[in-house]
Amino acid sequence: MASDDLNIEVPGSGTLPADARTELEICLKEFGVDVFDEANRLEDSFHIGSGPPVVTSSLIREAFLYSKRGHIQRPVSSSRHFLDVVSYAAAAVAGVFAGKLDTPTGSIGFAASLVIGVIAYLVGRKR
């Protein structure tokens, strides 16, 4: 079985200070993991038949291009899905209360729904 180690040379990186070189290595490793994960995702989506999955050089190149353009599809956490649903539900509830803004219940309900929806949206975007 092949090793998981790759020897990658970056021209000019030898002139970097030690902390910058270490950070470059960390970033390259994270980028490599992203590209490899995306290539596996692409292989899963294209795989036909019962044979073993095979990540080819063309899938690696396609994953690299996706990552370069910012199109890698990372998994979305269940908390992010939940917060999206909460923000949409709060918008619907605010719409119900919007028809009754002339009453105290309608005004308070509308404001509360609006605040809950905005908070859920903003917290969900950070995840």
Protein backbone atom coordinates (compact mmCIF):
# COMPACT_ATOMS: atom_id res chain seq x y z
CA MET A 1 0.00 0.00 0.00
CA ALA A 2 1.24 3.47 -0.87
CA SER A 3 2.11 6.05 1.76
CA ASP A 4 -0.09 9.09 2.44
CA ASP A 5 2.99 11.34 2.31
CA LEU A 6 3.49 13.58 -0.71
CA ASN A 7 6.67 15.52 -1.39
CA ILE A 8 5.59 18.90 -2.75
CA GLU A 9 8.06 21.59 -3.75
CA VAL A 10 6.96 25.22 -3.91
CA PRO A 11 9.47 27.46 -5.70
CA GLY A 12 10.57 30.33 -3.47
CA SER A 13 9.24 28.81 -0.25
CA GLY A 14 12.78 28.24 1.01
CA THR A 15 13.16 31.98 1.59
CA LEU A 16 10.17 32.14 3.95
CA PRO A 17 10.66 32.50 7.70
CA ALA A 18 10.05 29.29 9.66
CA ASP A 19 6.56 30.27 10.91
CA ALA A 20 5.42 31.30 7.41
CA ARG A 21 6.78 28.07 5.93
CA THR A 22 4.93 26.04 8.56
CA GLU A 23 1.71 27.91 7.80
CA LEU A 24 2.20 27.28 4.06
CA GLU A 25 2.58 23.55 4.76
CA ILE A 26 -0.63 23.57 6.83
CA CYS A 27 -2.55 25.40 4.10
CA LEU A 28 -1.27 23.07 1.38
CA LYS A 29 -2.29 20.05 3.44
CA GLU A 30 -5.80 21.46 4.02
CA PHE A 31 -6.10 22.26 0.31
CA GLY A 32 -4.97 18.75 -0.60
CA VAL A 33 -7.55 17.23 1.73
CA ASP A 34 -10.27 19.43 0.18
CA VAL A 35 -9.27 18.42 -3.36
CA PHE A 36 -9.09 14.74 -2.44
CA ASP A 37 -12.49 14.81 -0.69
CA GLU A 38 -14.04 16.58 -3.68
CA ALA A 39 -12.51 14.02 -6.07
CA ASN A 40 -14.06 11.23 -3.99
CA ARG A 41 -17.42 13.02 -4.03
CA LEU A 42 -17.21 13.38 -7.81
CA GLU A 43 -16.27 9.72 -8.18
CA ASP A 44 -19.29 8.74 -6.05
CA SER A 45 -21.57 10.79 -8.28
CA PHE A 46 -20.15 9.34 -11.52
CA HIS A 47 -19.66 5.74 -10.32
CA ILE A 48 -21.69 3.18 -12.22
CA GLY A 49 -21.78 -0.51 -11.53
CA SER A 50 -20.70 -2.64 -8.62
CA GLY A 51 -16.91 -2.36 -9.08
CA PRO A 52 -14.66 -0.58 -6.61
CA PRO A 53 -14.52 3.22 -6.78
CA VAL A 54 -11.49 4.61 -8.61
CA VAL A 55 -10.34 8.22 -8.32
CA THR A 56 -8.66 9.04 -11.62
CA SER A 57 -6.31 11.85 -12.56
CA SER A 58 -9.15 13.58 -14.43
CA LEU A 59 -11.27 13.57 -11.25
CA ILE A 60 -8.37 15.07 -9.28
CA ARG A 61 -7.97 17.78 -11.94
CA GLU A 62 -11.73 18.47 -11.94
CA ALA A 63 -11.74 18.71 -8.14
CA PHE A 64 -8.76 21.08 -8.30
CA LEU A 65 -10.59 23.32 -10.78
CA TYR A 66 -13.74 23.28 -8.60
CA SER A 67 -11.70 24.28 -5.56
CA LYS A 68 -9.87 27.00 -7.47
CA ARG A 69 -13.19 28.50 -8.53
CA GLY A 70 -14.70 28.12 -5.05
CA HIS A 71 -17.25 25.47 -6.04
CA ILE A 72 -16.30 22.63 -3.70
CA GLN A 73 -19.45 21.26 -2.10
CA ARG A 74 -18.68 20.84 1.56
CA PRO A 75 -21.09 18.94 3.79
CA VAL A 76 -23.72 21.09 5.47
CA SER A 77 -24.22 20.47 9.19
CA SER A 78 -27.61 19.57 10.57
CA SER A 79 -27.51 22.66 12.81
CA ARG A 80 -27.15 24.83 9.69
CA HIS A 81 -30.20 23.12 8.14
CA PHE A 82 -32.13 23.66 11.37
CA LEU A 83 -31.23 27.36 11.51
CA ASP A 84 -32.28 27.76 7.86
CA VAL A 85 -35.67 26.20 8.65
CA VAL A 86 -36.05 28.44 11.71
CA SER A 87 -35.31 31.58 9.68
CA TYR A 88 -37.83 30.59 6.97
CA ALA A 89 -40.47 29.67 9.55
CA ALA A 90 -39.91 32.97 11.36
CA ALA A 91 -40.45 34.82 8.08
CA ALA A 92 -43.75 32.98 7.56
CA VAL A 93 -44.89 33.72 11.12
CA ALA A 94 -43.90 37.38 10.69
CA GLY A 95 -46.10 37.45 7.59
CA VAL A 96 -49.05 36.21 9.64
CA PHE A 97 -48.47 38.85 12.28
CA ALA A 98 -47.95 41.57 9.64
CA GLY A 99 -51.68 41.50 8.92
CA LYS A 100 -52.39 42.41 12.55
CA LEU A 101 -49.91 45.20 13.17
CA ASP A 102 -52.66 47.44 14.55
CA THR A 103 -52.95 45.19 17.63
CA PRO A 104 -50.35 44.79 20.39
CA THR A 105 -50.16 41.03 19.77
CA GLY A 106 -49.51 41.57 16.07
CA SER A 107 -46.82 44.18 16.66
CA ILE A 108 -45.00 42.14 19.30
CA GLY A 109 -45.35 38.91 17.31
CA PHE A 110 -44.06 40.57 14.15
CA ALA A 111 -41.06 42.09 15.95
CA ALA A 112 -40.23 38.85 17.76
CA SER A 113 -40.50 36.81 14.55
CA LEU A 114 -38.33 39.30 12.73
CA VAL A 115 -35.64 39.25 15.43
CA ILE A 116 -35.66 35.42 15.68
CA GLY A 117 -35.47 35.08 11.89
CA VAL A 118 -32.58 37.51 11.51
CA ILE A 119 -30.61 35.94 14.37
CA ALA A 120 -31.15 32.42 13.01
CA TYR A 121 -30.07 33.57 9.55
CA LEU A 122 -26.91 35.31 10.77
CA VAL A 123 -25.86 32.47 13.09
CA GLY A 124 -26.54 29.94 10.33
CA ARG A 125 -24.31 31.80 7.85
CA LYS A 126 -21.34 31.50 10.23
CA ARG A 127 -21.60 27.68 10.38
